[in-house]
Amino acid sequence: ATLCDPSAVEWQDLGQGMGVVLLPLPPGRRTAFDSYVGYVAFSNSVPVAYGGAWVFPGKSKVGLNVFPAFRGGPPMLLFTRILQCYAQRFNVECFEAESYQLGHGNPDGIRSGAYWFYYRAGFRTVDPGMAALAEEERARMEQDRSYRTAPSLLRRLVSGSMRLRLTESAAPEFEPSALSDVVLRSMALIRNGDRSAGLSHCADHVQRVLGVDDMRSWSAAVRQAFMDLSPTIALINGLESWTIKEKGSLVALMRAKGLSNENEYIRRLREHHRLLDAWAAIANAE
């Protein structure tokens, strides 16, 4: 909320007195490959929760933090409406709750039983062994309403992430952070690790390969977005052989990262299958 772009804020009515304010980040504060959109949720005009989602094809990380005074009320209904909002607004196919959000290294998450909150919302543990353990615990809870999962067992369950898959997606799954790691290592080898010089070198190369003749008419934010994405684009093998249409779509995508909001970037990234496949190959090469 502190760093969002006020001109890009959206109010979404969730019905039954609930609503959510979507808080996009401005150019210069955005994450490198995914698109972080925060939110504050309201019930009868009172702020009751906050969180955000890192929107990305394949899977989008999401988190919810309910203010203590409102825990134990109807947060499940609110959370499912928030997920529905992001799914419809940004075409999210799969949500992922990371282990910290569930309680890994987060005592508050263990105390609040965050794991079972996400479980009731439809999320399931990714690790098959932990998933089987969770089903055993669920059966015990159904048989005995007073049964509570021991904190030690909860800490085992939250050691990995949970996912809610809404539809099957053709997009490859990989961690944007893994892509960032590869880019950072490659940048260290360019121009003796001089970041500014390395960025200029990559941007010049990508501009030439993609056939971008003149960027003087672009806004400063759009030019910067093109430059920031260039080191990753420069790592793509065989970029020169892409079709004119694929190159043109890639240029439009890179420019969209610097627009007033990332809606166009999100849409174009989801549709550019060749770029996603190339990024996945880079991220998973290690």
C-alpha atoms as a PDB file:
ATOM      1  CA  ALA A   1       0.000   0.000   0.000  1.00  0.00           C
ATOM      2  CA  THR A   2       2.915   2.341   0.715  1.00  0.00           C
ATOM      3  CA  LEU A   3       4.626   1.818  -2.643  1.00  0.00           C
ATOM      4  CA  CYS A   4       1.657   1.282  -4.950  1.00  0.00           C
ATOM      5  CA  ASP A   5       0.800   3.549  -7.864  1.00  0.00           C
ATOM      6  CA  PRO A   6      -2.339   5.485  -6.771  1.00  0.00           C
ATOM      7  CA  SER A   7      -3.385   6.072 -10.376  1.00  0.00           C
ATOM      8  CA  ALA A   8      -3.526   2.315 -11.034  1.00  0.00           C
ATOM      9  CA  VAL A   9      -5.465   1.290  -7.892  1.00  0.00           C
ATOM     10  CA  GLU A  10      -8.615  -0.773  -8.582  1.00  0.00           C
ATOM     11  CA  TRP A  11     -11.660  -1.414  -6.388  1.00  0.00           C
ATOM     12  CA  GLN A  12     -13.345  -4.781  -6.934  1.00  0.00           C
ATOM     13  CA  ASP A  13     -16.760  -5.453  -5.385  1.00  0.00           C
ATOM     14  CA  LEU A  14     -16.836  -9.065  -4.145  1.00  0.00           C
ATOM     15  CA  GLY A  15     -20.483  -9.044  -3.095  1.00  0.00           C
ATOM     16  CA  GLN A  16     -22.141  -9.552   0.320  1.00  0.00           C
ATOM     17  CA  GLY A  17     -20.524  -6.422   1.731  1.00  0.00           C
ATOM     18  CA  MET A  18     -17.003  -7.539   0.783  1.00  0.00           C
ATOM     19  CA  GLY A  19     -14.539  -5.801  -1.489  1.00  0.00           C
ATOM     20  CA  VAL A  20     -10.862  -5.670  -2.308  1.00  0.00           C
ATOM     21  CA  VAL A  21      -8.539  -2.895  -3.425  1.00  0.00           C
ATOM     22  CA  LEU A  22      -5.877  -4.080  -5.873  1.00  0.00           C
ATOM     23  CA  LEU A  23      -2.569  -2.261  -5.454  1.00  0.00           C
ATOM     24  CA  PRO A  24      -0.208  -2.492  -8.473  1.00  0.00           C
ATOM     25  CA  LEU A  25       3.392  -1.348  -8.216  1.00  0.00           C
ATOM     26  CA  PRO A  26       4.707   1.502 -10.394  1.00  0.00           C
ATOM     27  CA  PRO A  27       7.558   1.105 -12.906  1.00  0.00           C
ATOM     28  CA  GLY A  28      10.878   1.016 -11.101  1.00  0.00           C
ATOM     29  CA  ARG A  29       9.513  -0.959  -8.141  1.00  0.00           C
ATOM     30  CA  ARG A  30       8.193  -3.997  -9.981  1.00  0.00           C
ATOM     31  CA  THR A  31       9.495  -7.534  -9.688  1.00  0.00           C
ATOM     32  CA  ALA A  32      11.616  -8.703 -12.594  1.00  0.00           C
ATOM     33  CA  PHE A  33       9.480 -11.362 -14.302  1.00  0.00           C
ATOM     34  CA  ASP A  34       6.264 -11.915 -12.380  1.00  0.00           C
ATOM     35  CA  SER A  35       3.834  -9.111 -11.538  1.00  0.00           C
ATOM     36  CA  TYR A  36       3.150  -8.384  -7.881  1.00  0.00           C
ATOM     37  CA  VAL A  37      -0.336  -7.029  -7.193  1.00  0.00           C
ATOM     38  CA  GLY A  38      -1.074  -6.400  -3.536  1.00  0.00           C
ATOM     39  CA  TYR A  39      -4.478  -5.975  -1.956  1.00  0.00           C
ATOM     40  CA  VAL A  40      -6.371  -4.776   1.091  1.00  0.00           C
ATOM     41  CA  ALA A  41      -9.677  -6.556   1.722  1.00  0.00           C
ATOM     42  CA  PHE A  42     -12.728  -4.957   3.295  1.00  0.00           C
ATOM     43  CA  SER A  43     -15.878  -6.195   4.999  1.00  0.00           C
ATOM     44  CA  ASN A  44     -18.637  -3.604   5.353  1.00  0.00           C
ATOM     45  CA  SER A  45     -16.057  -0.899   4.523  1.00  0.00           C
ATOM     46  CA  VAL A  46     -13.739  -2.026   7.356  1.00  0.00           C
ATOM     47  CA  PRO A  47     -10.227  -3.243   6.375  1.00  0.00           C
ATOM     48  CA  VAL A  48      -9.930  -6.806   7.653  1.00  0.00           C
ATOM     49  CA  ALA A  49      -7.045  -8.386   5.729  1.00  0.00           C
ATOM     50  CA  TYR A  50      -4.161  -7.726   3.355  1.00  0.00           C
ATOM     51  CA  GLY A  51      -1.862  -9.694   1.114  1.00  0.00           C
ATOM     52  CA  GLY A  52      -0.957 -10.051  -2.514  1.00  0.00           C
ATOM     53  CA  ALA A  53      -0.215 -12.303  -5.447  1.00  0.00           C
ATOM     54  CA  TRP A  54       2.819 -12.677  -7.692  1.00  0.00           C
ATOM     55  CA  VAL A  55       1.005 -13.227 -10.990  1.00  0.00           C
ATOM     56  CA  PHE A  56       2.896 -15.464 -13.420  1.00  0.00           C
ATOM     57  CA  PRO A  57       1.921 -18.118 -16.005  1.00  0.00           C
ATOM     58  CA  GLY A  58       2.026 -21.677 -14.696  1.00  0.00           C
ATOM     59  CA  LYS A  59       1.541 -20.767 -11.043  1.00  0.00           C
ATOM     60  CA  SER A  60       1.041 -17.565  -9.077  1.00  0.00           C
ATOM     61  CA  LYS A  61       2.115 -17.259  -5.467  1.00  0.00           C
ATOM     62  CA  VAL A  62      -0.515 -15.812  -3.133  1.00  0.00           C
ATOM     63  CA  GLY A  63      -0.794 -14.899   0.526  1.00  0.00           C
ATOM     64  CA  LEU A  64      -3.412 -13.742   3.026  1.00  0.00           C
ATOM     65  CA  ASN A  65      -2.939 -12.013   6.377  1.00  0.00           C
ATOM     66  CA  VAL A  66      -6.124 -11.483   8.399  1.00  0.00           C
ATOM     67  CA  PHE A  67      -5.900  -8.819  11.091  1.00  0.00           C
ATOM     68  CA  PRO A  68      -6.031 -10.562  14.518  1.00  0.00           C
ATOM     69  CA  ALA A  69      -9.303  -8.893  15.553  1.00  0.00           C
ATOM     70  CA  PHE A  70     -11.113 -10.534  12.627  1.00  0.00           C
ATOM     71  CA  ARG A  71      -9.725 -14.059  12.850  1.00  0.00           C
ATOM     72  CA  GLY A  72     -12.329 -16.695  13.614  1.00  0.00           C
ATOM     73  CA  GLY A  73     -14.972 -14.853  11.616  1.00  0.00           C
ATOM     74  CA  PRO A  74     -15.715 -15.469   7.934  1.00  0.00           C
ATOM     75  CA  PRO A  75     -12.195 -15.112   6.449  1.00  0.00           C
ATOM     76  CA  MET A  76     -12.603 -18.288   4.368  1.00  0.00           C
ATOM     77  CA  LEU A  77     -15.446 -16.772   2.345  1.00  0.00           C
ATOM     78  CA  LEU A  78     -13.441 -13.588   1.905  1.00  0.00           C
ATOM     79  CA  PHE A  79     -10.295 -15.466   0.823  1.00  0.00           C
ATOM     80  CA  THR A  80     -12.130 -17.567  -1.754  1.00  0.00           C
ATOM     81  CA  ARG A  81     -13.660 -14.398  -3.191  1.00  0.00           C
ATOM     82  CA  ILE A  82     -10.201 -12.809  -3.385  1.00  0.00           C
ATOM     83  CA  LEU A  83      -8.866 -15.876  -5.218  1.00  0.00           C
ATOM     84  CA  GLN A  84     -11.842 -15.709  -7.573  1.00  0.00           C
ATOM     85  CA  CYS A  85     -11.097 -12.032  -8.214  1.00  0.00           C
ATOM     86  CA  TYR A  86      -7.438 -12.693  -9.130  1.00  0.00           C
ATOM     87  CA  ALA A  87      -8.368 -15.745 -11.218  1.00  0.00           C
ATOM     88  CA  GLN A  88     -10.860 -13.747 -13.272  1.00  0.00           C
ATOM     89  CA  ARG A  89      -8.936 -10.481 -13.392  1.00  0.00           C
ATOM     90  CA  PHE A  90      -5.542 -11.987 -14.344  1.00  0.00           C
ATOM     91  CA  ASN A  91      -6.479 -15.454 -15.683  1.00  0.00           C
ATOM     92  CA  VAL A  92      -4.612 -17.255 -12.914  1.00  0.00           C
ATOM     93  CA  GLU A  93      -4.695 -21.034 -13.422  1.00  0.00           C
ATOM     94  CA  CYS A  94      -2.854 -22.184 -10.303  1.00  0.00           C
ATOM     95  CA  PHE A  95      -2.257 -20.528  -6.922  1.00  0.00           C
ATOM     96  CA  GLU A  96       0.651 -21.462  -4.673  1.00  0.00           C
ATOM     97  CA  ALA A  97       1.011 -20.753  -0.951  1.00  0.00           C
ATOM     98  CA  GLU A  98       4.665 -20.858   0.065  1.00  0.00           C
ATOM     99  CA  SER A  99       5.845 -22.670   3.168  1.00  0.00           C
ATOM    100  CA  TYR A 100       6.445 -19.470   5.181  1.00  0.00           C
ATOM    101  CA  GLN A 101       2.855 -18.399   4.608  1.00  0.00           C
ATOM    102  CA  LEU A 102       1.794 -21.772   6.031  1.00  0.00           C
ATOM    103  CA  GLY A 103       4.016 -21.560   9.105  1.00  0.00           C
ATOM    104  CA  HIS A 104       7.521 -22.694   8.115  1.00  0.00           C
ATOM    105  CA  GLY A 105       9.782 -20.447  10.184  1.00  0.00           C
ATOM    106  CA  ASN A 106       6.640 -18.486  11.050  1.00  0.00           C
ATOM    107  CA  PRO A 107       5.351 -19.219  14.588  1.00  0.00           C
ATOM    108  CA  ASP A 108       2.202 -17.166  14.011  1.00  0.00           C
ATOM    109  CA  GLY A 109       1.315 -19.429  11.082  1.00  0.00           C
ATOM    110  CA  ILE A 110       1.673 -22.501  13.314  1.00  0.00           C
ATOM    111  CA  ARG A 111      -0.396 -20.964  16.121  1.00  0.00           C
ATOM    112  CA  SER A 112      -3.178 -19.930  13.749  1.00  0.00           C
ATOM    113  CA  GLY A 113      -3.276 -23.283  11.952  1.00  0.00           C
ATOM    114  CA  ALA A 114      -2.715 -21.573   8.590  1.00  0.00           C
ATOM    115  CA  TYR A 115      -2.081 -24.928   6.920  1.00  0.00           C
ATOM    116  CA  TRP A 116      -5.643 -26.110   7.524  1.00  0.00           C
ATOM    117  CA  PHE A 117      -7.050 -22.754   6.496  1.00  0.00           C
ATOM    118  CA  TYR A 118      -5.442 -23.136   3.072  1.00  0.00           C
ATOM    119  CA  TYR A 119      -6.434 -26.816   2.997  1.00  0.00           C
ATOM    120  CA  ARG A 120     -10.110 -25.909   3.481  1.00  0.00           C
ATOM    121  CA  ALA A 121      -9.763 -23.403   0.636  1.00  0.00           C
ATOM    122  CA  GLY A 122      -8.778 -26.267  -1.684  1.00  0.00           C
ATOM    123  CA  PHE A 123      -4.972 -26.055  -1.508  1.00  0.00           C
ATOM    124  CA  ARG A 124      -3.077 -29.328  -1.316  1.00  0.00           C
ATOM    125  CA  THR A 125       0.491 -30.181  -0.347  1.00  0.00           C
ATOM    126  CA  VAL A 126       2.800 -30.649  -3.330  1.00  0.00           C
ATOM    127  CA  ASP A 127       4.978 -33.361  -1.746  1.00  0.00           C
ATOM    128  CA  PRO A 128       3.232 -36.770  -2.104  1.00  0.00           C
ATOM    129  CA  GLY A 129       4.484 -38.031   1.272  1.00  0.00           C
ATOM    130  CA  MET A 130       3.285 -34.949   3.121  1.00  0.00           C
ATOM    131  CA  ALA A 131      -0.002 -35.064   1.191  1.00  0.00           C
ATOM    132  CA  ALA A 132      -0.649 -38.589   2.470  1.00  0.00           C
ATOM    133  CA  LEU A 133       0.167 -37.486   6.016  1.00  0.00           C
ATOM    134  CA  ALA A 134      -2.256 -34.573   5.672  1.00  0.00           C
ATOM    135  CA  GLU A 135      -5.057 -36.917   4.595  1.00  0.00           C
ATOM    136  CA  GLU A 136      -4.443 -39.071   7.668  1.00  0.00           C
ATOM    137  CA  GLU A 137      -4.686 -35.990   9.874  1.00  0.00           C
ATOM    138  CA  ARG A 138      -7.852 -34.834   8.125  1.00  0.00           C
ATOM    139  CA  ALA A 139      -9.469 -38.216   8.783  1.00  0.00           C
ATOM    140  CA  ARG A 140      -8.609 -37.966  12.503  1.00  0.00           C
ATOM    141  CA  MET A 141     -10.102 -34.473  12.667  1.00  0.00           C
ATOM    142  CA  GLU A 142     -13.331 -35.679  11.047  1.00  0.00           C
ATOM    143  CA  GLN A 143     -13.635 -38.539  13.514  1.00  0.00           C
ATOM    144  CA  ASP A 144     -12.905 -36.378  16.552  1.00  0.00           C
ATOM    145  CA  ARG A 145     -14.012 -32.744  16.385  1.00  0.00           C
ATOM    146  CA  SER A 146     -11.880 -31.889  19.410  1.00  0.00           C
ATOM    147  CA  TYR A 147      -8.696 -33.253  17.814  1.00  0.00           C
ATOM    148  CA  ARG A 148      -5.982 -30.707  17.009  1.00  0.00           C
ATOM    149  CA  THR A 149      -2.839 -31.339  14.983  1.00  0.00           C
ATOM    150  CA  ALA A 150       0.260 -31.152  17.173  1.00  0.00           C
ATOM    151  CA  PRO A 151       2.581 -28.196  16.427  1.00  0.00           C
ATOM    152  CA  SER A 152       5.447 -30.620  15.742  1.00  0.00           C
ATOM    153  CA  LEU A 153       3.402 -32.345  13.041  1.00  0.00           C
ATOM    154  CA  LEU A 154       2.255 -29.031  11.616  1.00  0.00           C
ATOM    155  CA  ARG A 155       5.874 -27.985  11.252  1.00  0.00           C
ATOM    156  CA  ARG A 156       6.433 -31.109   9.126  1.00  0.00           C
ATOM    157  CA  LEU A 157       3.376 -30.426   6.977  1.00  0.00           C
ATOM    158  CA  VAL A 158       4.365 -26.827   6.269  1.00  0.00           C
ATOM    159  CA  SER A 159       7.884 -27.714   5.131  1.00  0.00           C
ATOM    160  CA  GLY A 160       6.700 -27.429   1.517  1.00  0.00           C
ATOM    161  CA  SER A 161       4.279 -25.346  -0.483  1.00  0.00           C
ATOM    162  CA  MET A 162       0.593 -25.968  -1.222  1.00  0.00           C
ATOM    163  CA  ARG A 163      -1.217 -25.403  -4.523  1.00  0.00           C
ATOM    164  CA  LEU A 164      -4.740 -24.807  -5.701  1.00  0.00           C
ATOM    165  CA  ARG A 165      -5.049 -25.761  -9.362  1.00  0.00           C
ATOM    166  CA  LEU A 166      -8.086 -24.262 -11.068  1.00  0.00           C
ATOM    167  CA  THR A 167      -7.445 -25.353 -14.657  1.00  0.00           C
ATOM    168  CA  GLU A 168      -4.779 -27.263 -16.517  1.00  0.00           C
ATOM    169  CA  SER A 169      -2.192 -24.929 -18.000  1.00  0.00           C
ATOM    170  CA  ALA A 170       0.154 -25.416 -20.923  1.00  0.00           C
ATOM    171  CA  ALA A 171       2.591 -22.937 -19.414  1.00  0.00           C
ATOM    172  CA  PRO A 172       5.823 -24.481 -18.056  1.00  0.00           C
ATOM    173  CA  GLU A 173       6.331 -24.251 -14.307  1.00  0.00           C
ATOM    174  CA  PHE A 174       9.559 -22.705 -13.047  1.00  0.00           C
ATOM    175  CA  GLU A 175      10.633 -20.262 -10.383  1.00  0.00           C
ATOM    176  CA  PRO A 176      11.212 -16.680 -11.557  1.00  0.00           C
ATOM    177  CA  SER A 177      13.841 -16.476  -8.803  1.00  0.00           C
ATOM    178  CA  ALA A 178      15.775 -19.300 -10.514  1.00  0.00           C
ATOM    179  CA  LEU A 179      15.744 -17.271 -13.713  1.00  0.00           C
ATOM    180  CA  SER A 180      17.034 -14.262 -11.782  1.00  0.00           C
ATOM    181  CA  ASP A 181      19.911 -16.329 -10.370  1.00  0.00           C
ATOM    182  CA  VAL A 182      21.066 -17.320 -13.858  1.00  0.00           C
ATOM    183  CA  VAL A 183      20.845 -13.716 -15.055  1.00  0.00           C
ATOM    184  CA  LEU A 184      22.863 -12.403 -12.109  1.00  0.00           C
ATOM    185  CA  ARG A 185      25.610 -14.959 -12.672  1.00  0.00           C
ATOM    186  CA  SER A 186      25.782 -14.171 -16.370  1.00  0.00           C
ATOM    187  CA  MET A 187      25.894 -10.421 -15.711  1.00  0.00           C
ATOM    188  CA  ALA A 188      28.909 -10.909 -13.470  1.00  0.00           C
ATOM    189  CA  LEU A 189      30.838 -12.114 -16.528  1.00  0.00           C
ATOM    190  CA  ILE A 190      29.949  -9.139 -18.760  1.00  0.00           C
ATOM    191  CA  ARG A 191      32.048  -5.969 -18.772  1.00  0.00           C
ATOM    192  CA  ASN A 192      33.965  -7.131 -15.674  1.00  0.00           C
ATOM    193  CA  GLY A 193      30.775  -7.176 -13.600  1.00  0.00           C
ATOM    194  CA  ASP A 194      29.954  -3.519 -14.253  1.00  0.00           C
ATOM    195  CA  ARG A 195      26.142  -3.645 -14.026  1.00  0.00           C
ATOM    196  CA  SER A 196      25.457  -0.446 -15.952  1.00  0.00           C
ATOM    197  CA  ALA A 197      27.817  -1.361 -18.755  1.00  0.00           C
ATOM    198  CA  GLY A 198      26.476  -4.907 -18.808  1.00  0.00           C
ATOM    199  CA  LEU A 199      22.880  -3.700 -19.114  1.00  0.00           C
ATOM    200  CA  SER A 200      23.790  -1.409 -22.002  1.00  0.00           C
ATOM    201  CA  HIS A 201      25.665  -4.232 -23.730  1.00  0.00           C
ATOM    202  CA  CYS A 202      22.695  -6.623 -23.432  1.00  0.00           C
ATOM    203  CA  ALA A 203      20.163  -3.973 -24.449  1.00  0.00           C
ATOM    204  CA  ASP A 204      22.182  -3.089 -27.576  1.00  0.00           C
ATOM    205  CA  HIS A 205      22.434  -6.760 -28.539  1.00  0.00           C
ATOM    206  CA  VAL A 206      18.739  -7.466 -27.983  1.00  0.00           C
ATOM    207  CA  GLN A 207      17.713  -4.273 -29.758  1.00  0.00           C
ATOM    208  CA  ARG A 208      19.738  -5.313 -32.793  1.00  0.00           C
ATOM    209  CA  VAL A 209      18.476  -8.911 -32.866  1.00  0.00           C
ATOM    210  CA  LEU A 210      14.840  -7.900 -32.425  1.00  0.00           C
ATOM    211  CA  GLY A 211      15.071  -5.170 -35.055  1.00  0.00           C
ATOM    212  CA  VAL A 212      14.284  -2.225 -32.793  1.00  0.00           C
ATOM    213  CA  ASP A 213      15.540   0.803 -34.720  1.00  0.00           C
ATOM    214  CA  ASP A 214      14.705   3.762 -32.502  1.00  0.00           C
ATOM    215  CA  MET A 215      13.486   4.002 -28.909  1.00  0.00           C
ATOM    216  CA  ARG A 216      13.565   7.782 -28.585  1.00  0.00           C
ATOM    217  CA  SER A 217       9.780   8.037 -28.836  1.00  0.00           C
ATOM    218  CA  TRP A 218       9.323   5.581 -25.941  1.00  0.00           C
ATOM    219  CA  SER A 219       8.735   6.853 -22.417  1.00  0.00           C
ATOM    220  CA  ALA A 220      11.595   6.620 -19.930  1.00  0.00           C
ATOM    221  CA  ALA A 221       9.785   3.862 -17.995  1.00  0.00           C
ATOM    222  CA  VAL A 222       9.251   1.790 -21.149  1.00  0.00           C
ATOM    223  CA  ARG A 223      12.892   2.179 -22.218  1.00  0.00           C
ATOM    224  CA  GLN A 224      14.021   1.108 -18.753  1.00  0.00           C
ATOM    225  CA  ALA A 225      11.739  -1.935 -18.818  1.00  0.00           C
ATOM    226  CA  PHE A 226      13.235  -2.980 -22.164  1.00  0.00           C
ATOM    227  CA  MET A 227      16.736  -2.571 -20.754  1.00  0.00           C
ATOM    228  CA  ASP A 228      15.934  -4.439 -17.508  1.00  0.00           C
ATOM    229  CA  LEU A 229      14.573  -7.455 -19.398  1.00  0.00           C
ATOM    230  CA  SER A 230      17.377  -7.468 -21.965  1.00  0.00           C
ATOM    231  CA  PRO A 231      19.890  -9.586 -19.972  1.00  0.00           C
ATOM    232  CA  THR A 232      17.335 -12.384 -19.767  1.00  0.00           C
ATOM    233  CA  ILE A 233      16.372 -12.108 -23.433  1.00  0.00           C
ATOM    234  CA  ALA A 234      20.060 -12.099 -24.417  1.00  0.00           C
ATOM    235  CA  LEU A 235      20.447 -15.557 -22.839  1.00  0.00           C
ATOM    236  CA  ILE A 236      17.913 -17.169 -25.189  1.00  0.00           C
ATOM    237  CA  ASN A 237      19.585 -19.576 -27.605  1.00  0.00           C
ATOM    238  CA  GLY A 238      18.526 -19.145 -31.204  1.00  0.00           C
ATOM    239  CA  LEU A 239      16.746 -15.828 -30.674  1.00  0.00           C
ATOM    240  CA  GLU A 240      17.923 -14.741 -34.128  1.00  0.00           C
ATOM    241  CA  SER A 241      15.867 -17.516 -35.726  1.00  0.00           C
ATOM    242  CA  TRP A 242      12.556 -16.454 -34.195  1.00  0.00           C
ATOM    243  CA  THR A 243       9.915 -15.342 -36.669  1.00  0.00           C
ATOM    244  CA  ILE A 244       9.191 -11.674 -37.276  1.00  0.00           C
ATOM    245  CA  LYS A 245       5.853 -12.103 -35.490  1.00  0.00           C
ATOM    246  CA  GLU A 246       7.491 -13.717 -32.439  1.00  0.00           C
ATOM    247  CA  LYS A 247      10.103 -10.978 -32.256  1.00  0.00           C
ATOM    248  CA  GLY A 248       7.469  -8.258 -32.626  1.00  0.00           C
ATOM    249  CA  SER A 249       5.354  -9.810 -29.858  1.00  0.00           C
ATOM    250  CA  LEU A 250       8.434  -9.985 -27.635  1.00  0.00           C
ATOM    251  CA  VAL A 251       9.215  -6.293 -28.160  1.00  0.00           C
ATOM    252  CA  ALA A 252       5.606  -5.388 -27.311  1.00  0.00           C
ATOM    253  CA  LEU A 253       5.818  -7.551 -24.167  1.00  0.00           C
ATOM    254  CA  MET A 254       9.045  -5.904 -23.017  1.00  0.00           C
ATOM    255  CA  ARG A 255       7.550  -2.465 -23.557  1.00  0.00           C
ATOM    256  CA  ALA A 256       4.383  -3.433 -21.647  1.00  0.00           C
ATOM    257  CA  LYS A 257       6.444  -4.086 -18.516  1.00  0.00           C
ATOM    258  CA  GLY A 258       6.991  -0.316 -18.284  1.00  0.00           C
ATOM    259  CA  LEU A 259       3.386   0.835 -18.818  1.00  0.00           C
ATOM    260  CA  SER A 260       1.254   2.434 -16.093  1.00  0.00           C
ATOM    261  CA  ASN A 261       0.070  -1.030 -15.003  1.00  0.00           C
ATOM    262  CA  GLU A 262       1.180  -4.551 -15.874  1.00  0.00           C
ATOM    263  CA  ASN A 263      -2.138  -5.834 -17.250  1.00  0.00           C
ATOM    264  CA  GLU A 264      -0.886  -5.837 -20.841  1.00  0.00           C
ATOM    265  CA  TYR A 265       2.417  -7.428 -19.811  1.00  0.00           C
ATOM    266  CA  ILE A 266       0.576 -10.211 -17.949  1.00  0.00           C
ATOM    267  CA  ARG A 267      -1.629 -10.917 -20.955  1.00  0.00           C
ATOM    268  CA  ARG A 268       1.203 -10.889 -23.477  1.00  0.00           C
ATOM    269  CA  LEU A 269       3.473 -13.050 -21.319  1.00  0.00           C
ATOM    270  CA  ARG A 270       0.747 -15.664 -20.930  1.00  0.00           C
ATOM    271  CA  GLU A 271       0.315 -15.807 -24.718  1.00  0.00           C
ATOM    272  CA  HIS A 272       4.024 -15.891 -25.651  1.00  0.00           C
ATOM    273  CA  HIS A 273       4.623 -19.638 -25.346  1.00  0.00           C
ATOM    274  CA  ARG A 274       8.010 -19.578 -27.047  1.00  0.00           C
ATOM    275  CA  LEU A 275       9.362 -17.040 -24.551  1.00  0.00           C
ATOM    276  CA  LEU A 276       8.027 -19.022 -21.591  1.00  0.00           C
ATOM    277  CA  ASP A 277       9.593 -22.209 -22.930  1.00  0.00           C
ATOM    278  CA  ALA A 278      12.909 -20.395 -23.423  1.00  0.00           C
ATOM    279  CA  TRP A 279      12.813 -18.942 -19.918  1.00  0.00           C
ATOM    280  CA  ALA A 280      11.975 -22.342 -18.453  1.00  0.00           C
ATOM    281  CA  ALA A 281      14.958 -23.881 -20.246  1.00  0.00           C
ATOM    282  CA  ILE A 282      17.229 -21.185 -18.814  1.00  0.00           C
ATOM    283  CA  ALA A 283      15.837 -21.460 -15.275  1.00  0.00           C
ATOM    284  CA  ASN A 284      15.958 -25.264 -15.228  1.00  0.00           C
ATOM    285  CA  ALA A 285      19.386 -25.594 -16.846  1.00  0.00           C
ATOM    286  CA  GLU A 286      21.185 -25.749 -13.500  1.00  0.00           C
END
